[in-house]
Amino acid sequence: MAHDKKQGYTDPEDVRRDEAEVSGAEEAVVADPVEEAEDTQAEEEVNTLENQLASAQEALEKEKKEYMFLMAEFDNFRKRTIREKSEIIRNAGENVFKGLLPVMDDFERGLKAAEGATDVASVREGMELIYQKLKKYMEQNGVKEMATNGEPFDADSHEAIASVPAPSEDVKGKVIDTVEKGYTINDKVLRHAKVVVGQ
């Protein structure tokens, strides 16, 4: 039976509604332990991921610095190698010409001696000595004269400037005469020999 609210009585429906609201509010106030555990776990995962990200960024910075250092080192090495190579080439040329200076001195002395000489044989002997000295110096530096006359024609070493009928069968395809000597340096062709080949 419904009573008038003014007299202090309430409708039972209102009472049930109020009780439901109070019960819902209590449930809202009491935290769910499962939700709390999930929130804590999510927070820990976020912290772990943030730490991993920070470590990865730190490692990346370190690798970047090392890479830049290596690039600078390589650039210095490349420049140093180019400089050393040019110095070796320059010094090699310097050493070659330094070795030729005594031969030049001998030629100058020979020319002076030849001015007042009447004996052709002694001038020739002096020239022969200078030639032998130069030849020995070249051999010491790996430069050797090619053997040509009587040898089979070899396009890798010889340059045929003429071919003539062979005087006999055994000289066909062989070098009959050498117009200009060929030289090798450390077994590599320095200058091809200009030759006449028998056909």
C-alpha atoms as a PDB file:
ATOM      1  CA  MET A   1       0.000   0.000   0.000  1.00  0.00           C
ATOM      2  CA  ALA A   2       1.341   3.401  -0.962  1.00  0.00           C
ATOM      3  CA  HIS A   3       1.735   6.116   1.647  1.00  0.00           C
ATOM      4  CA  ASP A   4       2.011   9.815   1.162  1.00  0.00           C
ATOM      5  CA  LYS A   5       5.652  11.019   1.024  1.00  0.00           C
ATOM      6  CA  LYS A   6       4.790  14.022   3.100  1.00  0.00           C
ATOM      7  CA  GLN A   7       4.027  11.737   6.028  1.00  0.00           C
ATOM      8  CA  GLY A   8       7.504  10.108   5.794  1.00  0.00           C
ATOM      9  CA  TYR A   9       6.521   7.027   3.901  1.00  0.00           C
ATOM     10  CA  THR A  10       8.095   6.032   0.565  1.00  0.00           C
ATOM     11  CA  ASP A  11       7.050   3.990  -2.327  1.00  0.00           C
ATOM     12  CA  PRO A  12       8.576   0.431  -2.239  1.00  0.00           C
ATOM     13  CA  GLU A  13       9.688   0.888  -5.886  1.00  0.00           C
ATOM     14  CA  ASP A  14      11.676   3.939  -4.853  1.00  0.00           C
ATOM     15  CA  VAL A  15      13.281   1.966  -2.043  1.00  0.00           C
ATOM     16  CA  ARG A  16      14.344  -0.816  -4.398  1.00  0.00           C
ATOM     17  CA  ARG A  17      15.794   1.749  -6.846  1.00  0.00           C
ATOM     18  CA  ASP A  18      17.716   3.464  -4.050  1.00  0.00           C
ATOM     19  CA  GLU A  19      19.096   0.152  -2.802  1.00  0.00           C
ATOM     20  CA  ALA A  20      20.222  -0.776  -6.330  1.00  0.00           C
ATOM     21  CA  GLU A  21      21.987   2.568  -6.731  1.00  0.00           C
ATOM     22  CA  VAL A  22      23.744   2.182  -3.366  1.00  0.00           C
ATOM     23  CA  SER A  23      24.786  -1.388  -4.230  1.00  0.00           C
ATOM     24  CA  GLY A  24      26.131  -0.243  -7.652  1.00  0.00           C
ATOM     25  CA  ALA A  25      28.054   2.579  -6.016  1.00  0.00           C
ATOM     26  CA  GLU A  26      29.638   0.144  -3.527  1.00  0.00           C
ATOM     27  CA  GLU A  27      30.644  -2.154  -6.360  1.00  0.00           C
ATOM     28  CA  ALA A  28      32.206   0.829  -8.159  1.00  0.00           C
ATOM     29  CA  VAL A  29      34.121   1.819  -5.006  1.00  0.00           C
ATOM     30  CA  VAL A  30      35.490  -1.714  -4.402  1.00  0.00           C
ATOM     31  CA  ALA A  31      38.332  -2.236  -6.961  1.00  0.00           C
ATOM     32  CA  ASP A  32      38.502  -5.441  -8.885  1.00  0.00           C
ATOM     33  CA  PRO A  33      41.813  -7.212  -8.020  1.00  0.00           C
ATOM     34  CA  VAL A  34      42.032  -8.781 -11.516  1.00  0.00           C
ATOM     35  CA  GLU A  35      41.794  -5.358 -13.172  1.00  0.00           C
ATOM     36  CA  GLU A  36      44.414  -4.000 -10.801  1.00  0.00           C
ATOM     37  CA  ALA A  37      46.793  -6.869 -11.671  1.00  0.00           C
ATOM     38  CA  GLU A  38      46.223  -6.300 -15.394  1.00  0.00           C
ATOM     39  CA  ASP A  39      46.910  -2.559 -15.009  1.00  0.00           C
ATOM     40  CA  THR A  40      50.141  -3.283 -13.109  1.00  0.00           C
ATOM     41  CA  GLN A  41      51.247  -5.825 -15.717  1.00  0.00           C
ATOM     42  CA  ALA A  42      50.513  -3.368 -18.556  1.00  0.00           C
ATOM     43  CA  GLU A  43      52.491  -0.675 -16.728  1.00  0.00           C
ATOM     44  CA  GLU A  44      55.430  -3.054 -16.285  1.00  0.00           C
ATOM     45  CA  GLU A  45      55.311  -3.992 -19.978  1.00  0.00           C
ATOM     46  CA  VAL A  46      55.290  -0.301 -20.945  1.00  0.00           C
ATOM     47  CA  ASN A  47      58.282   0.327 -18.652  1.00  0.00           C
ATOM     48  CA  THR A  48      60.119  -2.690 -20.088  1.00  0.00           C
ATOM     49  CA  LEU A  49      59.457  -1.544 -23.656  1.00  0.00           C
ATOM     50  CA  GLU A  50      60.569   1.998 -22.812  1.00  0.00           C
ATOM     51  CA  ASN A  51      63.803   0.611 -21.311  1.00  0.00           C
ATOM     52  CA  GLN A  52      64.386  -1.571 -24.371  1.00  0.00           C
ATOM     53  CA  LEU A  53      63.789   1.426 -26.650  1.00  0.00           C
ATOM     54  CA  ALA A  54      66.233   3.544 -24.656  1.00  0.00           C
ATOM     55  CA  SER A  55      68.850   0.749 -24.818  1.00  0.00           C
ATOM     56  CA  ALA A  56      68.325   0.336 -28.565  1.00  0.00           C
ATOM     57  CA  GLN A  57      68.689   4.095 -29.127  1.00  0.00           C
ATOM     58  CA  GLU A  58      71.859   4.112 -27.018  1.00  0.00           C
ATOM     59  CA  ALA A  59      73.285   1.175 -28.991  1.00  0.00           C
ATOM     60  CA  LEU A  60      72.343   2.886 -32.261  1.00  0.00           C
ATOM     61  CA  GLU A  61      74.134   6.088 -31.219  1.00  0.00           C
ATOM     62  CA  LYS A  62      77.209   4.068 -30.261  1.00  0.00           C
ATOM     63  CA  GLU A  63      77.183   2.185 -33.584  1.00  0.00           C
ATOM     64  CA  LYS A  64      76.697   5.464 -35.456  1.00  0.00           C
ATOM     65  CA  LYS A  65      79.722   7.022 -33.718  1.00  0.00           C
ATOM     66  CA  GLU A  66      81.841   3.935 -34.447  1.00  0.00           C
ATOM     67  CA  TYR A  67      80.731   3.988 -38.096  1.00  0.00           C
ATOM     68  CA  MET A  68      81.633   7.673 -38.429  1.00  0.00           C
ATOM     69  CA  PHE A  69      85.010   6.975 -36.792  1.00  0.00           C
ATOM     70  CA  LEU A  70      85.685   4.085 -39.215  1.00  0.00           C
ATOM     71  CA  MET A  71      84.685   6.227 -42.199  1.00  0.00           C
ATOM     72  CA  ALA A  72      87.099   8.959 -41.077  1.00  0.00           C
ATOM     73  CA  GLU A  73      89.852   6.357 -40.533  1.00  0.00           C
ATOM     74  CA  PHE A  74      89.257   4.862 -43.997  1.00  0.00           C
ATOM     75  CA  ASP A  75      89.341   8.309 -45.600  1.00  0.00           C
ATOM     76  CA  ASN A  76      92.646   9.063 -43.858  1.00  0.00           C
ATOM     77  CA  PHE A  77      94.018   5.666 -44.939  1.00  0.00           C
ATOM     78  CA  ARG A  78      92.979   6.306 -48.569  1.00  0.00           C
ATOM     79  CA  LYS A  79      94.606   9.748 -48.607  1.00  0.00           C
ATOM     80  CA  ARG A  80      97.760   8.406 -46.945  1.00  0.00           C
ATOM     81  CA  THR A  81      97.970   5.537 -49.486  1.00  0.00           C
ATOM     82  CA  ILE A  82      97.612   7.936 -52.436  1.00  0.00           C
ATOM     83  CA  ARG A  83     100.304  10.197 -50.964  1.00  0.00           C
ATOM     84  CA  GLU A  84     102.665   7.257 -50.305  1.00  0.00           C
ATOM     85  CA  LYS A  85     102.085   5.847 -53.804  1.00  0.00           C
ATOM     86  CA  SER A  86     102.915   9.169 -55.449  1.00  0.00           C
ATOM     87  CA  GLU A  87     106.032   9.441 -53.247  1.00  0.00           C
ATOM     88  CA  ILE A  88     107.132   5.913 -54.242  1.00  0.00           C
ATOM     89  CA  ILE A  89     106.708   6.740 -57.943  1.00  0.00           C
ATOM     90  CA  ARG A  90     108.566  10.031 -57.533  1.00  0.00           C
ATOM     91  CA  ASN A  91     111.356   8.435 -55.490  1.00  0.00           C
ATOM     92  CA  ALA A  92     111.653   5.481 -57.875  1.00  0.00           C
ATOM     93  CA  GLY A  93     112.251   7.907 -60.743  1.00  0.00           C
ATOM     94  CA  GLU A  94     114.700   9.807 -58.544  1.00  0.00           C
ATOM     95  CA  ASN A  95     116.664   6.625 -57.777  1.00  0.00           C
ATOM     96  CA  VAL A  96     116.809   5.622 -61.452  1.00  0.00           C
ATOM     97  CA  PHE A  97     118.219   8.978 -62.495  1.00  0.00           C
ATOM     98  CA  LYS A  98     120.596   9.056 -59.536  1.00  0.00           C
ATOM     99  CA  GLY A  99     122.073   5.764 -60.808  1.00  0.00           C
ATOM    100  CA  LEU A 100     122.441   7.236 -64.304  1.00  0.00           C
ATOM    101  CA  LEU A 101     124.469  10.255 -63.116  1.00  0.00           C
ATOM    102  CA  PRO A 102     127.821   8.369 -62.996  1.00  0.00           C
ATOM    103  CA  VAL A 103     127.216   7.236 -66.599  1.00  0.00           C
ATOM    104  CA  MET A 104     126.577  10.872 -67.588  1.00  0.00           C
ATOM    105  CA  ASP A 105     129.828  11.858 -65.857  1.00  0.00           C
ATOM    106  CA  ASP A 106     131.695   9.173 -67.839  1.00  0.00           C
ATOM    107  CA  PHE A 107     130.173  10.438 -71.109  1.00  0.00           C
ATOM    108  CA  GLU A 108     131.278  13.998 -70.330  1.00  0.00           C
ATOM    109  CA  ARG A 109     134.818  12.861 -69.518  1.00  0.00           C
ATOM    110  CA  GLY A 110     134.866  10.732 -72.693  1.00  0.00           C
ATOM    111  CA  LEU A 111     133.721  13.670 -74.841  1.00  0.00           C
ATOM    112  CA  LYS A 112     136.418  15.911 -73.361  1.00  0.00           C
ATOM    113  CA  ALA A 113     139.057  13.234 -73.941  1.00  0.00           C
ATOM    114  CA  ALA A 114     137.808  12.668 -77.505  1.00  0.00           C
ATOM    115  CA  GLU A 115     138.280  16.377 -78.404  1.00  0.00           C
ATOM    116  CA  GLY A 116     142.077  16.140 -78.515  1.00  0.00           C
ATOM    117  CA  ALA A 117     142.384  12.419 -79.229  1.00  0.00           C
ATOM    118  CA  THR A 118     143.923  11.237 -82.433  1.00  0.00           C
ATOM    119  CA  ASP A 119     143.624   7.525 -81.651  1.00  0.00           C
ATOM    120  CA  VAL A 120     140.156   6.325 -82.689  1.00  0.00           C
ATOM    121  CA  ALA A 121     140.658   2.938 -81.028  1.00  0.00           C
ATOM    122  CA  SER A 122     141.134   4.517 -77.564  1.00  0.00           C
ATOM    123  CA  VAL A 123     137.962   6.646 -78.022  1.00  0.00           C
ATOM    124  CA  ARG A 124     136.060   3.523 -79.047  1.00  0.00           C
ATOM    125  CA  GLU A 125     137.441   1.681 -76.023  1.00  0.00           C
ATOM    126  CA  GLY A 126     136.248   4.483 -73.725  1.00  0.00           C
ATOM    127  CA  MET A 127     132.793   4.415 -75.311  1.00  0.00           C
ATOM    128  CA  GLU A 128     132.688   0.615 -74.907  1.00  0.00           C
ATOM    129  CA  LEU A 129     133.488   0.949 -71.167  1.00  0.00           C
ATOM    130  CA  ILE A 130     130.692   3.498 -70.698  1.00  0.00           C
ATOM    131  CA  TYR A 131     128.265   1.263 -72.626  1.00  0.00           C
ATOM    132  CA  GLN A 132     129.129  -1.764 -70.468  1.00  0.00           C
ATOM    133  CA  LYS A 133     128.693   0.315 -67.304  1.00  0.00           C
ATOM    134  CA  LEU A 134     125.230   1.474 -68.455  1.00  0.00           C
ATOM    135  CA  LYS A 135     124.237  -2.054 -69.482  1.00  0.00           C
ATOM    136  CA  LYS A 136     125.310  -3.436 -66.075  1.00  0.00           C
ATOM    137  CA  TYR A 137     123.333  -0.706 -64.271  1.00  0.00           C
ATOM    138  CA  MET A 138     120.206  -1.534 -66.313  1.00  0.00           C
ATOM    139  CA  GLU A 139     120.566  -5.257 -65.592  1.00  0.00           C
ATOM    140  CA  GLN A 140     120.896  -4.518 -61.863  1.00  0.00           C
ATOM    141  CA  ASN A 141     117.514  -2.755 -62.116  1.00  0.00           C
ATOM    142  CA  GLY A 142     115.825  -5.674 -63.915  1.00  0.00           C
ATOM    143  CA  VAL A 143     116.183  -4.343 -67.497  1.00  0.00           C
ATOM    144  CA  LYS A 144     117.492  -7.003 -69.891  1.00  0.00           C
ATOM    145  CA  GLU A 145     118.089  -7.185 -73.607  1.00  0.00           C
ATOM    146  CA  MET A 146     115.899  -9.619 -75.579  1.00  0.00           C
ATOM    147  CA  ALA A 147     117.536 -12.392 -77.565  1.00  0.00           C
ATOM    148  CA  THR A 148     116.203 -12.036 -81.121  1.00  0.00           C
ATOM    149  CA  ASN A 149     118.375 -13.156 -84.052  1.00  0.00           C
ATOM    150  CA  GLY A 150     117.724 -16.802 -84.924  1.00  0.00           C
ATOM    151  CA  GLU A 151     114.802 -16.999 -82.491  1.00  0.00           C
ATOM    152  CA  PRO A 152     111.263 -17.968 -83.650  1.00  0.00           C
ATOM    153  CA  PHE A 153     109.087 -14.902 -84.262  1.00  0.00           C
ATOM    154  CA  ASP A 154     106.951 -14.123 -81.164  1.00  0.00           C
ATOM    155  CA  ALA A 155     104.275 -11.431 -81.579  1.00  0.00           C
ATOM    156  CA  ASP A 156     104.284 -10.834 -77.796  1.00  0.00           C
ATOM    157  CA  SER A 157     107.964  -9.784 -77.841  1.00  0.00           C
ATOM    158  CA  HIS A 158     108.732  -8.865 -81.442  1.00  0.00           C
ATOM    159  CA  GLU A 159     107.385  -6.308 -83.877  1.00  0.00           C
ATOM    160  CA  ALA A 160     107.875  -7.407 -87.482  1.00  0.00           C
ATOM    161  CA  ILE A 161     108.743  -4.432 -89.652  1.00  0.00           C
ATOM    162  CA  ALA A 162     109.600  -6.515 -92.725  1.00  0.00           C
ATOM    163  CA  SER A 163     109.542 -10.076 -94.001  1.00  0.00           C
ATOM    164  CA  VAL A 164     112.068 -11.402 -96.498  1.00  0.00           C
ATOM    165  CA  PRO A 165     112.416 -14.710 -98.321  1.00  0.00           C
ATOM    166  CA  ALA A 166     114.236 -17.144 -96.038  1.00  0.00           C
ATOM    167  CA  PRO A 167     117.663 -18.222 -97.373  1.00  0.00           C
ATOM    168  CA  SER A 168     116.960 -21.750 -96.073  1.00  0.00           C
ATOM    169  CA  GLU A 169     114.064 -23.799 -94.703  1.00  0.00           C
ATOM    170  CA  ASP A 170     115.414 -23.814 -91.130  1.00  0.00           C
ATOM    171  CA  VAL A 171     115.066 -19.989 -90.765  1.00  0.00           C
ATOM    172  CA  LYS A 172     111.477 -19.751 -92.003  1.00  0.00           C
ATOM    173  CA  GLY A 173     109.335 -17.999 -89.347  1.00  0.00           C
ATOM    174  CA  LYS A 174     112.471 -16.937 -87.485  1.00  0.00           C
ATOM    175  CA  VAL A 175     114.076 -13.545 -86.876  1.00  0.00           C
ATOM    176  CA  ILE A 176     116.779 -12.901 -89.504  1.00  0.00           C
ATOM    177  CA  ASP A 177     117.784  -9.381 -88.444  1.00  0.00           C
ATOM    178  CA  THR A 178     117.108  -6.961 -85.556  1.00  0.00           C
ATOM    179  CA  VAL A 179     116.587  -3.322 -86.509  1.00  0.00           C
ATOM    180  CA  GLU A 180     115.965  -2.107 -82.937  1.00  0.00           C
ATOM    181  CA  LYS A 181     116.691  -4.132 -79.796  1.00  0.00           C
ATOM    182  CA  GLY A 182     113.889  -5.058 -77.437  1.00  0.00           C
ATOM    183  CA  TYR A 183     114.093  -4.957 -73.644  1.00  0.00           C
ATOM    184  CA  THR A 184     112.273  -6.546 -70.727  1.00  0.00           C
ATOM    185  CA  ILE A 185     111.962  -5.267 -67.182  1.00  0.00           C
ATOM    186  CA  ASN A 186     111.429  -7.968 -64.555  1.00  0.00           C
ATOM    187  CA  ASP A 187     110.343 -10.388 -67.337  1.00  0.00           C
ATOM    188  CA  LYS A 188     107.770  -7.906 -68.684  1.00  0.00           C
ATOM    189  CA  VAL A 189     108.190  -6.326 -72.128  1.00  0.00           C
ATOM    190  CA  LEU A 190     109.551  -2.810 -71.762  1.00  0.00           C
ATOM    191  CA  ARG A 191     110.048  -2.294 -75.497  1.00  0.00           C
ATOM    192  CA  HIS A 192     109.257  -4.666 -78.378  1.00  0.00           C
ATOM    193  CA  ALA A 193     112.149  -5.618 -80.663  1.00  0.00           C
ATOM    194  CA  LYS A 194     111.783  -4.406 -84.252  1.00  0.00           C
ATOM    195  CA  VAL A 195     112.765  -7.340 -86.419  1.00  0.00           C
ATOM    196  CA  VAL A 196     112.959  -8.743 -89.927  1.00  0.00           C
ATOM    197  CA  VAL A 197     111.314 -12.165 -90.290  1.00  0.00           C
ATOM    198  CA  GLY A 198     112.155 -14.887 -92.814  1.00  0.00           C
ATOM    199  CA  GLN A 199     109.315 -16.349 -94.915  1.00  0.00           C
END
